[in-house]
PDB file of N, CA and C in Angstrom:
ATOM      1  N   MET A   1      14.925  11.979  19.367  1.00  0.00           N
ATOM      2  CA  MET A   1      14.290  11.555  18.141  1.00  0.00           C
ATOM      3  C   MET A   1      14.661  10.096  17.863  1.00  0.00           C
ATOM      4  N   GLY A   2      13.672   9.299  17.448  1.00  0.00           N
ATOM      5  CA  GLY A   2      13.906   7.892  17.168  1.00  0.00           C
ATOM      6  C   GLY A   2      14.683   7.673  15.887  1.00  0.00           C
ATOM      7  N   LYS A   3      15.086   6.442  15.681  1.00  0.00           N
ATOM      8  CA  LYS A   3      15.790   6.086  14.458  1.00  0.00           C
ATOM      9  C   LYS A   3      14.828   5.377  13.517  1.00  0.00           C
ATOM     10  N   TYR A   4      14.987   5.654  12.226  1.00  0.00           N
ATOM     11  CA  TYR A   4      14.100   5.096  11.215  1.00  0.00           C
ATOM     12  C   TYR A   4      14.911   4.515  10.077  1.00  0.00           C
ATOM     13  N   LYS A   5      14.257   3.721   9.260  1.00  0.00           N
ATOM     14  CA  LYS A   5      14.882   3.196   8.056  1.00  0.00           C
ATOM     15  C   LYS A   5      13.928   3.390   6.888  1.00  0.00           C
ATOM     16  N   LEU A   6      14.501   3.445   5.702  1.00  0.00           N
ATOM     17  CA  LEU A   6      13.715   3.528   4.481  1.00  0.00           C
ATOM     18  C   LEU A   6      13.693   2.140   3.872  1.00  0.00           C
ATOM     19  N   ARG A   7      12.496   1.633   3.631  1.00  0.00           N
ATOM     20  CA  ARG A   7      12.347   0.315   2.996  1.00  0.00           C
ATOM     21  C   ARG A   7      11.648   0.517   1.658  1.00  0.00           C
ATOM     22  N   VAL A   8      12.192  -0.100   0.620  1.00  0.00           N
ATOM     23  CA  VAL A   8      11.568  -0.057  -0.698  1.00  0.00           C
ATOM     24  C   VAL A   8      11.120  -1.476  -1.035  1.00  0.00           C
ATOM     25  N   THR A   9       9.828  -1.627  -1.343  1.00  0.00           N
ATOM     26  CA  THR A   9       9.233  -2.925  -1.635  1.00  0.00           C
ATOM     27  C   THR A   9       8.477  -2.842  -2.949  1.00  0.00           C
ATOM     28  N   GLU A  10       8.641  -3.852  -3.803  1.00  0.00           N
ATOM     29  CA  GLU A  10       7.850  -3.911  -5.029  1.00  0.00           C
ATOM     30  C   GLU A  10       6.653  -4.822  -4.793  1.00  0.00           C
ATOM     31  N   ILE A  11       5.478  -4.326  -5.104  1.00  0.00           N
ATOM     32  CA  ILE A  11       4.233  -5.092  -4.982  1.00  0.00           C
ATOM     33  C   ILE A  11       3.755  -5.449  -6.383  1.00  0.00           C
ATOM     34  N   MET A  12       3.452  -6.706  -6.593  1.00  0.00           N
ATOM     35  CA  MET A  12       2.904  -7.173  -7.871  1.00  0.00           C
ATOM     36  C   MET A  12       1.528  -7.751  -7.613  1.00  0.00           C
ATOM     37  N   ILE A  13       0.526  -7.271  -8.368  1.00  0.00           N
ATOM     38  CA  ILE A  13      -0.844  -7.744  -8.215  1.00  0.00           C
ATOM     39  C   ILE A  13      -1.246  -8.424  -9.520  1.00  0.00           C
ATOM     40  N   ALA A  14      -1.695  -9.667  -9.429  1.00  0.00           N
ATOM     41  CA  ALA A  14      -2.082 -10.451 -10.601  1.00  0.00           C
ATOM     42  C   ALA A  14      -3.273  -9.808 -11.313  1.00  0.00           C
ATOM     43  N   PRO A  15      -3.472 -10.118 -12.582  1.00  0.00           N
ATOM     44  CA  PRO A  15      -4.629  -9.596 -13.307  1.00  0.00           C
ATOM     45  C   PRO A  15      -5.929  -9.882 -12.537  1.00  0.00           C
ATOM     46  N   GLY A  16      -6.693  -8.827 -12.252  1.00  0.00           N
ATOM     47  CA  GLY A  16      -7.937  -8.986 -11.499  1.00  0.00           C
ATOM     48  C   GLY A  16      -7.732  -9.229 -10.016  1.00  0.00           C
ATOM     49  N   GLY A  17      -6.479  -9.223  -9.548  1.00  0.00           N
ATOM     50  CA  GLY A  17      -6.177  -9.493  -8.150  1.00  0.00           C
ATOM     51  C   GLY A  17      -6.382  -8.280  -7.262  1.00  0.00           C
ATOM     52  N   TYR A  18      -6.225  -8.485  -5.964  1.00  0.00           N
ATOM     53  CA  TYR A  18      -6.428  -7.405  -5.000  1.00  0.00           C
ATOM     54  C   TYR A  18      -5.639  -7.659  -3.734  1.00  0.00           C
ATOM     55  N   VAL A  19      -5.489  -6.616  -2.940  1.00  0.00           N
ATOM     56  CA  VAL A  19      -4.969  -6.704  -1.579  1.00  0.00           C
ATOM     57  C   VAL A  19      -6.083  -6.157  -0.698  1.00  0.00           C
ATOM     58  N   GLY A  20      -6.558  -6.974   0.243  1.00  0.00           N
ATOM     59  CA  GLY A  20      -7.679  -6.586   1.094  1.00  0.00           C
ATOM     60  C   GLY A  20      -7.341  -5.454   2.056  1.00  0.00           C
ATOM     61  N   ASP A  21      -8.337  -5.066   2.865  1.00  0.00           N
ATOM     62  CA  ASP A  21      -8.182  -3.957   3.808  1.00  0.00           C
ATOM     63  C   ASP A  21      -6.934  -4.115   4.668  1.00  0.00           C
ATOM     64  N   HIS A  22      -6.161  -3.014   4.752  1.00  0.00           N
ATOM     65  CA  HIS A  22      -4.944  -2.987   5.554  1.00  0.00           C
ATOM     66  C   HIS A  22      -4.478  -1.545   5.702  1.00  0.00           C
ATOM     67  N   ASN A  23      -3.504  -1.340   6.567  1.00  0.00           N
ATOM     68  CA  ASN A  23      -2.766  -0.084   6.632  1.00  0.00           C
ATOM     69  C   ASN A  23      -1.308  -0.437   6.906  1.00  0.00           C
ATOM     70  N   HIS A  24      -0.462   0.567   7.081  1.00  0.00           N
ATOM     71  CA  HIS A  24       0.970   0.322   7.242  1.00  0.00           C
ATOM     72  C   HIS A  24       1.495   0.978   8.513  1.00  0.00           C
ATOM     73  N   LEU A  25       2.652   0.501   8.989  1.00  0.00           N
ATOM     74  CA  LEU A  25       3.262   1.036  10.202  1.00  0.00           C
ATOM     75  C   LEU A  25       3.909   2.398  10.002  1.00  0.00           C
ATOM     76  N   GLY A  26       4.088   2.803   8.762  1.00  0.00           N
ATOM     77  CA  GLY A  26       4.728   4.091   8.522  1.00  0.00           C
ATOM     78  C   GLY A  26       4.268   4.720   7.228  1.00  0.00           C
ATOM     79  N   PRO A  27       4.543   6.004   7.075  1.00  0.00           N
ATOM     80  CA  PRO A  27       4.160   6.720   5.866  1.00  0.00           C
ATOM     81  C   PRO A  27       5.123   6.435   4.727  1.00  0.00           C
ATOM     82  N   GLY A  28       4.751   6.867   3.536  1.00  0.00           N
ATOM     83  CA  GLY A  28       5.666   6.720   2.420  1.00  0.00           C
ATOM     84  C   GLY A  28       5.076   7.144   1.098  1.00  0.00           C
ATOM     85  N   ILE A  29       5.939   7.146   0.107  1.00  0.00           N
ATOM     86  CA  ILE A  29       5.568   7.473  -1.261  1.00  0.00           C
ATOM     87  C   ILE A  29       5.358   6.169  -2.014  1.00  0.00           C
ATOM     88  N   ARG A  30       4.366   6.161  -2.892  1.00  0.00           N
ATOM     89  CA  ARG A  30       4.095   4.999  -3.745  1.00  0.00           C
ATOM     90  C   ARG A  30       4.281   5.436  -5.195  1.00  0.00           C
ATOM     91  N   GLN A  31       4.806   4.534  -6.012  1.00  0.00           N
ATOM     92  CA  GLN A  31       4.955   4.806  -7.438  1.00  0.00           C
ATOM     93  C   GLN A  31       4.432   3.626  -8.231  1.00  0.00           C
ATOM     94  N   MET A  32       3.466   3.879  -9.105  1.00  0.00           N
ATOM     95  CA  MET A  32       2.989   2.850 -10.036  1.00  0.00           C
ATOM     96  C   MET A  32       4.038   2.703 -11.132  1.00  0.00           C
ATOM     97  N   THR A  33       4.489   1.483 -11.375  1.00  0.00           N
ATOM     98  CA  THR A  33       5.499   1.255 -12.409  1.00  0.00           C
ATOM     99  C   THR A  33       4.946   0.518 -13.616  1.00  0.00           C
ATOM    100  N   GLU A  34       3.863  -0.248 -13.424  1.00  0.00           N
ATOM    101  CA  GLU A  34       3.205  -0.957 -14.532  1.00  0.00           C
ATOM    102  C   GLU A  34       1.734  -1.122 -14.219  1.00  0.00           C
ATOM    103  N   GLY A  35       0.909  -1.088 -15.261  1.00  0.00           N
ATOM    104  CA  GLY A  35      -0.509  -1.372 -15.103  1.00  0.00           C
ATOM    105  C   GLY A  35      -1.286  -0.233 -14.468  1.00  0.00           C
ATOM    106  N   ALA A  36      -2.381  -0.607 -13.818  1.00  0.00           N
ATOM    107  CA  ALA A  36      -3.260   0.359 -13.158  1.00  0.00           C
ATOM    108  C   ALA A  36      -3.937  -0.323 -11.975  1.00  0.00           C
ATOM    109  N   MET A  37      -4.250   0.468 -10.951  1.00  0.00           N
ATOM    110  CA  MET A  37      -4.949  -0.080  -9.787  1.00  0.00           C
ATOM    111  C   MET A  37      -5.911   0.942  -9.225  1.00  0.00           C
ATOM    112  N   GLU A  38      -6.977   0.436  -8.625  1.00  0.00           N
ATOM    113  CA  GLU A  38      -7.877   1.271  -7.835  1.00  0.00           C
ATOM    114  C   GLU A  38      -7.366   1.262  -6.410  1.00  0.00           C
ATOM    115  N   TYR A  39      -7.237   2.439  -5.832  1.00  0.00           N
ATOM    116  CA  TYR A  39      -6.810   2.625  -4.453  1.00  0.00           C
ATOM    117  C   TYR A  39      -8.067   3.044  -3.699  1.00  0.00           C
ATOM    118  N   ILE A  40      -8.603   2.137  -2.892  1.00  0.00           N
ATOM    119  CA  ILE A  40      -9.918   2.317  -2.282  1.00  0.00           C
ATOM    120  C   ILE A  40      -9.768   2.700  -0.814  1.00  0.00           C
ATOM    121  N   LEU A  41     -10.134   3.951  -0.524  1.00  0.00           N
ATOM    122  CA  LEU A  41     -10.088   4.516   0.824  1.00  0.00           C
ATOM    123  C   LEU A  41     -11.502   4.539   1.396  1.00  0.00           C
ATOM    124  N   PRO A  42     -11.660   4.822   2.690  1.00  0.00           N
ATOM    125  CA  PRO A  42     -13.014   4.865   3.262  1.00  0.00           C
ATOM    126  C   PRO A  42     -13.947   5.863   2.570  1.00  0.00           C
ATOM    127  N   ASP A  43     -13.410   7.015   2.105  1.00  0.00           N
ATOM    128  CA  ASP A  43     -14.269   8.060   1.553  1.00  0.00           C
ATOM    129  C   ASP A  43     -14.093   8.328   0.067  1.00  0.00           C
ATOM    130  N   GLU A  44     -13.159   7.663  -0.590  1.00  0.00           N
ATOM    131  CA  GLU A  44     -12.962   7.890  -2.020  1.00  0.00           C
ATOM    132  C   GLU A  44     -12.189   6.739  -2.647  1.00  0.00           C
ATOM    133  N   THR A  45     -12.301   6.636  -3.961  1.00  0.00           N
ATOM    134  CA  THR A  45     -11.556   5.651  -4.740  1.00  0.00           C
ATOM    135  C   THR A  45     -10.800   6.403  -5.829  1.00  0.00           C
ATOM    136  N   ILE A  46      -9.501   6.113  -5.934  1.00  0.00           N
ATOM    137  CA  ILE A  46      -8.644   6.783  -6.903  1.00  0.00           C
ATOM    138  C   ILE A  46      -8.007   5.721  -7.788  1.00  0.00           C
ATOM    139  N   THR A  47      -7.963   5.971  -9.088  1.00  0.00           N
ATOM    140  CA  THR A  47      -7.268   5.061  -9.997  1.00  0.00           C
ATOM    141  C   THR A  47      -5.890   5.626 -10.300  1.00  0.00           C
ATOM    142  N   TYR A  48      -4.855   4.819 -10.047  1.00  0.00           N
ATOM    143  CA  TYR A  48      -3.477   5.197 -10.356  1.00  0.00           C
ATOM    144  C   TYR A  48      -2.989   4.344 -11.518  1.00  0.00           C
ATOM    145  N   GLN A  49      -2.204   4.967 -12.404  1.00  0.00           N
ATOM    146  CA  GLN A  49      -1.681   4.276 -13.575  1.00  0.00           C
ATOM    147  C   GLN A  49      -0.165   4.386 -13.610  1.00  0.00           C
ATOM    148  N   SER A  50       0.444   3.604 -14.477  1.00  0.00           N
ATOM    149  CA  SER A  50       1.892   3.589 -14.617  1.00  0.00           C
ATOM    150  C   SER A  50       2.431   5.014 -14.716  1.00  0.00           C
ATOM    151  N   GLY A  51       3.431   5.318 -13.887  1.00  0.00           N
ATOM    152  CA  GLY A  51       4.033   6.647 -13.856  1.00  0.00           C
ATOM    153  C   GLY A  51       3.510   7.542 -12.752  1.00  0.00           C
ATOM    154  N   ASP A  52       2.362   7.208 -12.159  1.00  0.00           N
ATOM    155  CA  ASP A  52       1.789   8.024 -11.087  1.00  0.00           C
ATOM    156  C   ASP A  52       2.525   7.802  -9.769  1.00  0.00           C
ATOM    157  N   PHE A  53       2.660   8.879  -8.985  1.00  0.00           N
ATOM    158  CA  PHE A  53       3.170   8.842  -7.623  1.00  0.00           C
ATOM    159  C   PHE A  53       2.059   9.306  -6.693  1.00  0.00           C
ATOM    160  N   PHE A  54       2.054   8.793  -5.449  1.00  0.00           N
ATOM    161  CA  PHE A  54       1.146   9.329  -4.444  1.00  0.00           C
ATOM    162  C   PHE A  54       1.720   9.086  -3.059  1.00  0.00           C
ATOM    163  N   PHE A  55       1.251   9.855  -2.085  1.00  0.00           N
ATOM    164  CA  PHE A  55       1.713   9.750  -0.708  1.00  0.00           C
ATOM    165  C   PHE A  55       0.661   9.019   0.120  1.00  0.00           C
ATOM    166  N   GLU A  56       1.143   8.155   0.984  1.00  0.00           N
ATOM    167  CA  GLU A  56       0.260   7.415   1.887  1.00  0.00           C
ATOM    168  C   GLU A  56       0.717   7.664   3.319  1.00  0.00           C
ATOM    169  N   THR A  57      -0.198   8.069   4.181  1.00  0.00           N
ATOM    170  CA  THR A  57       0.162   8.376   5.566  1.00  0.00           C
ATOM    171  C   THR A  57       0.502   7.127   6.374  1.00  0.00           C
ATOM    172  N   GLY A  58      -0.029   5.982   5.973  1.00  0.00           N
ATOM    173  CA  GLY A  58       0.229   4.738   6.694  1.00  0.00           C
ATOM    174  C   GLY A  58      -0.839   4.398   7.707  1.00  0.00           C
ATOM    175  N   ASP A  59      -1.576   5.387   8.191  1.00  0.00           N
ATOM    176  CA  ASP A  59      -2.538   5.130   9.262  1.00  0.00           C
ATOM    177  C   ASP A  59      -3.990   5.055   8.785  1.00  0.00           C
ATOM    178  N   VAL A  60      -4.217   4.977   7.482  1.00  0.00           N
ATOM    179  CA  VAL A  60      -5.571   4.908   6.940  1.00  0.00           C
ATOM    180  C   VAL A  60      -5.777   3.545   6.272  1.00  0.00           C
ATOM    181  N   SER A  61      -6.812   2.838   6.692  1.00  0.00           N
ATOM    182  CA  SER A  61      -7.117   1.539   6.098  1.00  0.00           C
ATOM    183  C   SER A  61      -7.558   1.727   4.638  1.00  0.00           C
ATOM    184  N   HIS A  62      -7.056   0.856   3.773  1.00  0.00           N
ATOM    185  CA  HIS A  62      -7.366   0.930   2.347  1.00  0.00           C
ATOM    186  C   HIS A  62      -7.220  -0.460   1.736  1.00  0.00           C
ATOM    187  N   ARG A  63      -7.632  -0.592   0.484  1.00  0.00           N
ATOM    188  CA  ARG A  63      -7.406  -1.821  -0.269  1.00  0.00           C
ATOM    189  C   ARG A  63      -7.099  -1.430  -1.706  1.00  0.00           C
ATOM    190  N   VAL A  64      -6.500  -2.352  -2.460  1.00  0.00           N
ATOM    191  CA  VAL A  64      -6.154  -2.072  -3.852  1.00  0.00           C
ATOM    192  C   VAL A  64      -6.632  -3.217  -4.738  1.00  0.00           C
ATOM    193  N   VAL A  65      -7.036  -2.851  -5.957  1.00  0.00           N
ATOM    194  CA  VAL A  65      -7.548  -3.818  -6.924  1.00  0.00           C
ATOM    195  C   VAL A  65      -6.880  -3.547  -8.267  1.00  0.00           C
ATOM    196  N   ASP A  66      -6.365  -4.593  -8.923  1.00  0.00           N
ATOM    197  CA  ASP A  66      -5.803  -4.431 -10.264  1.00  0.00           C
ATOM    198  C   ASP A  66      -6.896  -4.006 -11.226  1.00  0.00           C
ATOM    199  N   LYS A  67      -6.613  -3.009 -12.051  1.00  0.00           N
ATOM    200  CA  LYS A  67      -7.569  -2.535 -13.049  1.00  0.00           C
ATOM    201  C   LYS A  67      -6.993  -2.572 -14.454  1.00  0.00           C
ATOM    202  N   SER A  68      -5.846  -3.220 -14.626  1.00  0.00           N
ATOM    203  CA  SER A  68      -5.185  -3.204 -15.931  1.00  0.00           C
ATOM    204  C   SER A  68      -5.474  -4.449 -16.764  1.00  0.00           C
ATOM    205  N   GLY A  69      -5.928  -5.519 -16.113  1.00  0.00           N
ATOM    206  CA  GLY A  69      -6.130  -6.773 -16.827  1.00  0.00           C
ATOM    207  C   GLY A  69      -4.825  -7.518 -17.072  1.00  0.00           C
ATOM    208  N   LYS A  70      -3.735  -6.973 -16.528  1.00  0.00           N
ATOM    209  CA  LYS A  70      -2.435  -7.644 -16.562  1.00  0.00           C
ATOM    210  C   LYS A  70      -1.778  -7.396 -15.213  1.00  0.00           C
ATOM    211  N   VAL A  71      -0.577  -7.845 -15.019  1.00  0.00           N
ATOM    212  CA  VAL A  71       0.093  -7.635 -13.736  1.00  0.00           C
ATOM    213  C   VAL A  71       0.296  -6.141 -13.501  1.00  0.00           C
ATOM    214  N   SER A  72      -0.121  -5.665 -12.341  1.00  0.00           N
ATOM    215  CA  SER A  72       0.140  -4.290 -11.916  1.00  0.00           C
ATOM    216  C   SER A  72       1.298  -4.330 -10.930  1.00  0.00           C
ATOM    217  N   LYS A  73       2.183  -3.341 -11.033  1.00  0.00           N
ATOM    218  CA  LYS A  73       3.320  -3.260 -10.118  1.00  0.00           C
ATOM    219  C   LYS A  73       3.413  -1.849  -9.560  1.00  0.00           C
ATOM    220  N   HIS A  74       3.736  -1.776  -8.283  1.00  0.00           N
ATOM    221  CA  HIS A  74       4.046  -0.471  -7.698  1.00  0.00           C
ATOM    222  C   HIS A  74       5.103  -0.626  -6.621  1.00  0.00           C
ATOM    223  N   LEU A  75       5.832   0.457  -6.395  1.00  0.00           N
ATOM    224  CA  LEU A  75       6.884   0.497  -5.387  1.00  0.00           C
ATOM    225  C   LEU A  75       6.384   1.229  -4.160  1.00  0.00           C
ATOM    226  N   LEU A  76       6.712   0.705  -2.977  1.00  0.00           N
ATOM    227  CA  LEU A  76       6.418   1.363  -1.705  1.00  0.00           C
ATOM    228  C   LEU A  76       7.744   1.849  -1.143  1.00  0.00           C
ATOM    229  N   PHE A  77       7.871   3.151  -0.903  1.00  0.00           N
ATOM    230  CA  PHE A  77       9.024   3.734  -0.232  1.00  0.00           C
ATOM    231  C   PHE A  77       8.530   4.101   1.159  1.00  0.00           C
ATOM    232  N   GLU A  78       8.827   3.254   2.162  1.00  0.00           N
ATOM    233  CA  GLU A  78       8.257   3.440   3.491  1.00  0.00           C
ATOM    234  C   GLU A  78       9.304   3.894   4.502  1.00  0.00           C
ATOM    235  N   ILE A  79       8.910   4.787   5.409  1.00  0.00           N
ATOM    236  CA  ILE A  79       9.738   5.223   6.522  1.00  0.00           C
ATOM    237  C   ILE A  79       9.248   4.457   7.745  1.00  0.00           C
ATOM    238  N   LEU A  80      10.113   3.578   8.275  1.00  0.00           N
ATOM    239  CA  LEU A  80       9.704   2.634   9.318  1.00  0.00           C
ATOM    240  C   LEU A  80      10.647   2.678  10.514  1.00  0.00           C
ATOM    241  N   PRO A  81      10.188   2.205  11.685  1.00  0.00           N
ATOM    242  CA  PRO A  81      11.089   2.115  12.842  1.00  0.00           C
ATOM    243  C   PRO A  81      12.300   1.254  12.490  1.00  0.00           C
ATOM    244  N   VAL A  82      13.480   1.666  12.904  1.00  0.00           N
ATOM    245  CA  VAL A  82      14.711   0.988  12.520  1.00  0.00           C
ATOM    246  C   VAL A  82      14.734  -0.474  12.978  1.00  0.00           C
ATOM    247  N   ASP A  83      14.053  -0.795  14.073  1.00  0.00           N
ATOM    248  CA  ASP A  83      14.092  -2.164  14.599  1.00  0.00           C
ATOM    249  C   ASP A  83      12.972  -3.061  14.060  1.00  0.00           C
ATOM    250  N   LEU A  84      12.169  -2.571  13.127  1.00  0.00           N
ATOM    251  CA  LEU A  84      11.085  -3.384  12.575  1.00  0.00           C
ATOM    252  C   LEU A  84      11.648  -4.567  11.797  1.00  0.00           C
ATOM    253  N   VAL A  85      11.149  -5.746  12.120  1.00  0.00           N
ATOM    254  CA  VAL A  85      11.492  -6.960  11.390  1.00  0.00           C
ATOM    255  C   VAL A  85      10.189  -7.505  10.825  1.00  0.00           C
ATOM    256  N   GLY A  86      10.181  -7.889   9.566  1.00  0.00           N
ATOM    257  CA  GLY A  86       8.967  -8.418   8.959  1.00  0.00           C
ATOM    258  C   GLY A  86       8.182  -7.335   8.244  1.00  0.00           C
ATOM    259  N   THR A  87       6.947  -7.653   7.957  1.00  0.00           N
ATOM    260  CA  THR A  87       6.094  -6.791   7.149  1.00  0.00           C
ATOM    261  C   THR A  87       5.673  -5.517   7.884  1.00  0.00           C
ATOM    262  N   SER A  88       5.385  -4.478   7.108  1.00  0.00           N
ATOM    263  CA  SER A  88       4.843  -3.242   7.683  1.00  0.00           C
ATOM    264  C   SER A  88       3.330  -3.215   7.568  1.00  0.00           C
ATOM    265  N   LEU A  89       2.761  -4.224   6.929  1.00  0.00           N
ATOM    266  CA  LEU A  89       1.321  -4.284   6.677  1.00  0.00           C
ATOM    267  C   LEU A  89       0.577  -4.694   7.942  1.00  0.00           C
ATOM    268  N   ILE A  90      -0.489  -3.968   8.258  1.00  0.00           N
ATOM    269  CA  ILE A  90      -1.307  -4.266   9.434  1.00  0.00           C
ATOM    270  C   ILE A  90      -2.722  -4.554   8.960  1.00  0.00           C
ATOM    271  N   LEU A  91      -3.233  -5.714   9.312  1.00  0.00           N
ATOM    272  CA  LEU A  91      -4.614  -6.053   8.981  1.00  0.00           C
ATOM    273  C   LEU A  91      -5.545  -5.413  10.000  1.00  0.00           C
ATOM    274  N   PRO A  92      -6.779  -5.045   9.585  1.00  0.00           N
ATOM    275  CA  PRO A  92      -7.710  -4.436  10.544  1.00  0.00           C
ATOM    276  C   PRO A  92      -8.069  -5.413  11.655  1.00  0.00           C
ATOM    277  N   ARG A  93      -8.344  -4.835  12.831  1.00  0.00           N
ATOM    278  CA  ARG A  93      -8.783  -5.670  13.964  1.00  0.00           C
ATOM    279  C   ARG A  93     -10.129  -6.278  13.667  1.00  0.00           C
ATOM    280  N   ASP A  94     -10.334  -7.476  14.163  1.00  0.00           N
ATOM    281  CA  ASP A  94     -11.626  -8.143  14.047  1.00  0.00           C
ATOM    282  C   ASP A  94     -12.615  -7.401  14.945  1.00  0.00           C
ATOM    283  N   LYS A  95     -13.641  -6.799  14.344  1.00  0.00           N
ATOM    284  CA  LYS A  95     -14.589  -5.996  15.117  1.00  0.00           C
ATOM    285  C   LYS A  95     -15.331  -6.820  16.177  1.00  0.00           C
ATOM    286  N   SER A  96     -15.401  -8.146  15.997  1.00  0.00           N
ATOM    287  CA  SER A  96     -16.093  -8.977  16.988  1.00  0.00           C
ATOM    288  C   SER A  96     -15.326  -9.045  18.299  1.00  0.00           C
ATOM    289  N   GLN A  97     -14.042  -8.642  18.306  1.00  0.00           N
ATOM    290  CA  GLN A  97     -13.227  -8.689  19.526  1.00  0.00           C
ATOM    291  C   GLN A  97     -13.265  -7.364  20.278  1.00  0.00           C
ATOM    292  N   GLU A  98     -13.934  -6.337  19.729  1.00  0.00           N
ATOM    293  CA  GLU A  98     -13.939  -5.032  20.387  1.00  0.00           C
ATOM    294  C   GLU A  98     -14.901  -5.005  21.539  1.00  0.00           C
TER     295      GLU A  98
END
C-alpha cells in the first residue's frame, strides 16, 4: 500500500469570481466556511452555502462560481500521494492535442 498525506487548503473566491474547469489528484472532503458557491459538474449544478460539507472524488472535472456577492471561502481536505509537491489541481487537457 502506498503512502499518502492529508493536505488542508483554504480557497477564497472573490465576489463574482470563479475557478475554471479542473479536477484534483486525490479525493477529499470540502467544507464551505463563508459565503456560497455553485459547484458545476458535467451533469448537475449544486449550490453550497456556509456550513455545508461535501465529498469530491478528485477525478471529475468541475468549476466553481461565487454566488454570495462577497468573498466565498471553503476548505479542501485532500488525500494525496506523500511525495506530491505543488498543487493538486489538474487543468483539463487541450482537446486540440488529442
